[in-house]
N, C-alpha and C. Protein backbone atom coordinates (compact mmCIF):
# COMPACT_ATOMS: atom_id res chain seq x y z
N MET A 1 22.06 -38.55 68.77
CA MET A 1 21.12 -39.49 69.37
C MET A 1 21.35 -39.52 70.87
N SER A 2 20.29 -39.54 71.61
CA SER A 2 20.40 -39.52 73.05
C SER A 2 20.79 -40.89 73.62
N GLY A 3 20.54 -41.97 72.92
CA GLY A 3 20.90 -43.31 73.39
C GLY A 3 19.83 -43.92 74.27
N TRP A 4 20.16 -45.05 74.86
CA TRP A 4 19.23 -45.77 75.72
C TRP A 4 18.98 -44.96 76.98
N ALA A 5 17.74 -44.89 77.42
CA ALA A 5 17.36 -44.15 78.61
C ALA A 5 16.68 -45.08 79.60
N ARG A 6 16.98 -44.92 80.87
CA ARG A 6 16.36 -45.72 81.93
C ARG A 6 14.92 -45.27 82.11
N THR A 7 14.00 -46.23 82.13
CA THR A 7 12.58 -45.95 82.36
C THR A 7 12.14 -46.70 83.61
N THR A 8 10.90 -46.50 84.03
CA THR A 8 10.40 -47.22 85.20
C THR A 8 10.27 -48.72 84.93
N ASP A 9 10.09 -49.10 83.66
CA ASP A 9 9.92 -50.52 83.30
C ASP A 9 11.19 -51.18 82.78
N GLY A 10 12.23 -50.41 82.51
CA GLY A 10 13.45 -50.98 81.93
C GLY A 10 14.26 -49.92 81.22
N TRP A 11 14.37 -50.05 79.89
CA TRP A 11 15.17 -49.14 79.07
C TRP A 11 14.41 -48.82 77.79
N ALA A 12 14.65 -47.63 77.23
CA ALA A 12 13.98 -47.23 75.98
C ALA A 12 14.95 -46.46 75.10
N LEU A 13 14.75 -46.60 73.79
CA LEU A 13 15.56 -45.90 72.80
C LEU A 13 14.63 -45.38 71.71
N ASN A 14 14.50 -44.07 71.61
CA ASN A 14 13.74 -43.44 70.53
C ASN A 14 14.69 -43.22 69.36
N LEU A 15 14.32 -43.68 68.19
CA LEU A 15 15.22 -43.58 67.04
C LEU A 15 15.29 -42.17 66.45
N ASP A 16 14.46 -41.27 66.92
CA ASP A 16 14.56 -39.89 66.45
C ASP A 16 15.57 -39.09 67.28
N GLY A 17 16.17 -39.72 68.27
CA GLY A 17 17.18 -39.06 69.09
C GLY A 17 16.66 -38.42 70.36
N SER A 18 15.35 -38.39 70.54
CA SER A 18 14.80 -37.81 71.76
C SER A 18 14.99 -38.77 72.94
N ASN A 19 14.88 -38.24 74.14
CA ASN A 19 15.09 -39.02 75.35
C ASN A 19 13.91 -39.96 75.58
N GLY A 20 14.18 -41.26 75.54
CA GLY A 20 13.14 -42.28 75.68
C GLY A 20 12.51 -42.34 77.06
N ALA A 21 13.15 -41.74 78.06
CA ALA A 21 12.57 -41.70 79.40
C ALA A 21 11.55 -40.57 79.53
N LEU A 22 11.68 -39.56 78.68
CA LEU A 22 10.81 -38.39 78.76
C LEU A 22 9.75 -38.33 77.68
N VAL A 23 10.04 -38.93 76.51
CA VAL A 23 9.17 -38.79 75.33
C VAL A 23 8.94 -40.17 74.72
N PHE A 24 7.72 -40.41 74.27
CA PHE A 24 7.42 -41.63 73.51
C PHE A 24 7.29 -41.21 72.06
N SER A 25 8.24 -41.65 71.22
CA SER A 25 8.16 -41.35 69.79
C SER A 25 8.44 -42.62 69.00
N LEU A 26 7.98 -42.64 67.78
CA LEU A 26 8.11 -43.82 66.92
C LEU A 26 9.12 -43.56 65.82
N PRO A 27 9.87 -44.55 65.42
CA PRO A 27 9.97 -45.89 66.01
C PRO A 27 10.75 -45.84 67.33
N ARG A 28 10.55 -46.88 68.12
CA ARG A 28 11.11 -46.92 69.48
C ARG A 28 11.41 -48.37 69.85
N LEU A 29 12.49 -48.56 70.60
CA LEU A 29 12.83 -49.87 71.17
C LEU A 29 12.68 -49.79 72.67
N GLU A 30 12.19 -50.85 73.28
CA GLU A 30 12.13 -50.93 74.73
C GLU A 30 12.66 -52.28 75.17
N LEU A 31 13.32 -52.29 76.31
CA LEU A 31 13.73 -53.52 76.98
C LEU A 31 13.02 -53.55 78.32
N ARG A 32 12.36 -54.65 78.60
CA ARG A 32 11.67 -54.83 79.88
C ARG A 32 12.13 -56.13 80.51
N SER A 33 12.35 -56.09 81.79
CA SER A 33 12.77 -57.28 82.51
C SER A 33 11.58 -58.19 82.77
N SER A 34 11.79 -59.49 82.60
CA SER A 34 10.74 -60.46 82.89
C SER A 34 11.36 -61.60 83.68
N SER A 35 10.55 -62.52 84.12
CA SER A 35 11.05 -63.65 84.90
C SER A 35 11.96 -64.56 84.08
N THR A 36 11.88 -64.46 82.77
CA THR A 36 12.72 -65.30 81.90
C THR A 36 13.86 -64.52 81.25
N GLY A 37 14.04 -63.27 81.64
CA GLY A 37 15.11 -62.45 81.07
C GLY A 37 14.55 -61.20 80.44
N TRP A 38 15.34 -60.54 79.62
CA TRP A 38 14.92 -59.31 78.96
C TRP A 38 13.96 -59.59 77.81
N ARG A 39 12.92 -58.77 77.69
CA ARG A 39 11.98 -58.81 76.57
C ARG A 39 12.20 -57.53 75.76
N SER A 40 12.25 -57.68 74.47
CA SER A 40 12.46 -56.56 73.56
C SER A 40 11.16 -56.22 72.86
N LEU A 41 10.79 -54.95 72.89
CA LEU A 41 9.62 -54.47 72.16
C LEU A 41 10.09 -53.46 71.13
N CYS A 42 9.66 -53.65 69.91
CA CYS A 42 9.97 -52.72 68.84
C CYS A 42 8.65 -52.09 68.40
N PHE A 43 8.52 -50.78 68.64
CA PHE A 43 7.34 -50.04 68.21
C PHE A 43 7.62 -49.49 66.83
N LEU A 44 6.85 -49.91 65.85
CA LEU A 44 7.05 -49.54 64.46
C LEU A 44 6.46 -48.16 64.16
N VAL A 45 6.80 -47.63 63.01
CA VAL A 45 6.35 -46.31 62.60
C VAL A 45 4.83 -46.19 62.60
N ASP A 46 4.14 -47.27 62.28
CA ASP A 46 2.67 -47.24 62.23
C ASP A 46 2.00 -47.42 63.59
N GLY A 47 2.81 -47.55 64.65
CA GLY A 47 2.28 -47.70 66.00
C GLY A 47 2.12 -49.13 66.46
N SER A 48 2.26 -50.09 65.55
CA SER A 48 2.18 -51.49 65.95
C SER A 48 3.47 -51.87 66.68
N GLN A 49 3.44 -52.99 67.35
CA GLN A 49 4.64 -53.42 68.07
C GLN A 49 4.91 -54.90 67.86
N ARG A 50 6.17 -55.26 68.00
CA ARG A 50 6.61 -56.65 67.94
C ARG A 50 7.41 -56.92 69.21
N GLU A 51 7.15 -58.05 69.84
CA GLU A 51 7.85 -58.41 71.08
C GLU A 51 8.61 -59.71 70.89
N ARG A 52 9.84 -59.73 71.42
CA ARG A 52 10.68 -60.93 71.32
C ARG A 52 11.55 -61.04 72.56
N ALA A 53 12.06 -62.23 72.81
CA ALA A 53 13.05 -62.41 73.87
C ALA A 53 14.34 -61.73 73.43
N ALA A 54 15.03 -61.09 74.38
CA ALA A 54 16.26 -60.37 74.03
C ALA A 54 17.46 -60.84 74.83
N GLY A 55 17.31 -61.86 75.63
CA GLY A 55 18.47 -62.38 76.35
C GLY A 55 18.23 -62.55 77.83
N SER A 56 19.22 -63.14 78.49
CA SER A 56 19.11 -63.41 79.91
C SER A 56 19.20 -62.11 80.70
N ALA A 57 18.68 -62.13 81.90
CA ALA A 57 18.61 -60.93 82.73
C ALA A 57 19.97 -60.45 83.20
N ASP A 58 21.01 -61.26 83.11
CA ASP A 58 22.30 -60.86 83.64
C ASP A 58 23.17 -60.10 82.65
N SER A 59 22.74 -59.89 81.42
CA SER A 59 23.56 -59.15 80.46
C SER A 59 22.75 -58.09 79.74
N LEU A 60 22.73 -56.90 80.30
CA LEU A 60 22.00 -55.80 79.70
C LEU A 60 22.61 -55.42 78.35
N MET A 61 23.93 -55.41 78.25
CA MET A 61 24.57 -55.04 77.00
C MET A 61 24.19 -56.00 75.87
N ALA A 62 24.16 -57.29 76.18
CA ALA A 62 23.77 -58.29 75.18
C ALA A 62 22.30 -58.12 74.80
N ALA A 63 21.46 -57.79 75.77
CA ALA A 63 20.04 -57.59 75.48
C ALA A 63 19.83 -56.38 74.57
N LYS A 64 20.59 -55.30 74.82
CA LYS A 64 20.50 -54.13 73.96
C LYS A 64 20.94 -54.48 72.54
N ALA A 65 22.03 -55.23 72.41
CA ALA A 65 22.52 -55.62 71.09
C ALA A 65 21.49 -56.48 70.37
N ALA A 66 20.87 -57.42 71.08
CA ALA A 66 19.86 -58.28 70.47
C ALA A 66 18.64 -57.47 70.03
N ALA A 67 18.22 -56.51 70.85
CA ALA A 67 17.08 -55.66 70.50
C ALA A 67 17.37 -54.85 69.24
N VAL A 68 18.58 -54.32 69.14
CA VAL A 68 18.95 -53.53 67.96
C VAL A 68 18.96 -54.41 66.71
N GLU A 69 19.50 -55.61 66.81
CA GLU A 69 19.54 -56.50 65.63
C GLU A 69 18.14 -56.93 65.22
N GLN A 70 17.28 -57.19 66.18
CA GLN A 70 15.89 -57.53 65.85
C GLN A 70 15.21 -56.35 65.17
N ALA A 71 15.49 -55.13 65.65
CA ALA A 71 14.89 -53.93 65.07
C ALA A 71 15.37 -53.71 63.64
N ARG A 72 16.63 -54.04 63.37
CA ARG A 72 17.14 -53.89 61.99
C ARG A 72 16.28 -54.69 61.01
N ALA A 73 15.94 -55.91 61.40
CA ALA A 73 15.13 -56.76 60.52
C ALA A 73 13.71 -56.22 60.38
N LEU A 74 13.17 -55.63 61.44
CA LEU A 74 11.80 -55.13 61.41
C LEU A 74 11.67 -53.77 60.73
N LEU A 75 12.65 -52.89 60.94
CA LEU A 75 12.54 -51.51 60.46
C LEU A 75 13.18 -51.29 59.11
N GLY A 76 14.10 -52.15 58.71
CA GLY A 76 14.72 -52.05 57.40
C GLY A 76 15.80 -50.98 57.31
N PRO A 77 16.33 -50.80 56.10
CA PRO A 77 17.49 -49.92 55.90
C PRO A 77 17.21 -48.44 56.16
N ALA A 78 15.97 -48.02 56.14
CA ALA A 78 15.66 -46.62 56.38
C ALA A 78 16.10 -46.15 57.77
N HIS A 79 16.20 -47.08 58.72
CA HIS A 79 16.57 -46.73 60.09
C HIS A 79 17.93 -47.28 60.50
N ALA A 80 18.68 -47.79 59.53
CA ALA A 80 19.98 -48.38 59.84
C ALA A 80 20.92 -47.39 60.50
N GLY A 81 20.95 -46.16 60.01
CA GLY A 81 21.84 -45.15 60.58
C GLY A 81 21.54 -44.89 62.05
N ALA A 82 20.27 -44.82 62.40
CA ALA A 82 19.89 -44.57 63.79
C ALA A 82 20.23 -45.75 64.68
N LEU A 83 20.24 -46.96 64.13
CA LEU A 83 20.53 -48.15 64.92
C LEU A 83 22.03 -48.41 65.07
N ASP A 84 22.83 -47.86 64.16
CA ASP A 84 24.28 -48.06 64.24
C ASP A 84 24.82 -47.54 65.56
N GLY A 85 25.47 -48.38 66.30
CA GLY A 85 26.06 -47.98 67.58
C GLY A 85 25.10 -47.91 68.74
N ALA A 86 23.80 -48.10 68.51
CA ALA A 86 22.82 -47.98 69.60
C ALA A 86 22.95 -49.07 70.65
N ALA A 87 23.47 -50.23 70.27
CA ALA A 87 23.57 -51.33 71.22
C ALA A 87 24.58 -51.04 72.33
N VAL A 88 25.56 -50.21 72.07
CA VAL A 88 26.61 -49.98 73.06
C VAL A 88 26.42 -48.69 73.83
N ARG A 89 25.37 -47.95 73.60
CA ARG A 89 25.15 -46.69 74.30
C ARG A 89 24.42 -46.89 75.59
C-alpha cells in the first residue's frame, strides 16, 4: 500500500494501494482542512461519499486515525486489511 499521499486539498488514501495524489480510485479516503478542523471524506465502492468531522486542525495523525476508524464502519470487513495500519502511514 502506498499510504497517505499529499494532495492540493489535503491528504488522500486509495485502498487499492495506488498513489492517492496521482490516481483517484475507489474506495478512497480524503482529509481536507476546514475552518473547524479536518474533514474526512470516504468515497465508497459505488462512488457515493460520506463526510464527517475528523478532528482538530493541529493533529494530522489523529485526523488520519479518525478517518480510518470511520471508514471501517462504512466499508465493513472486506476492506479491513487495507485499513490496518493506514492511520500511521
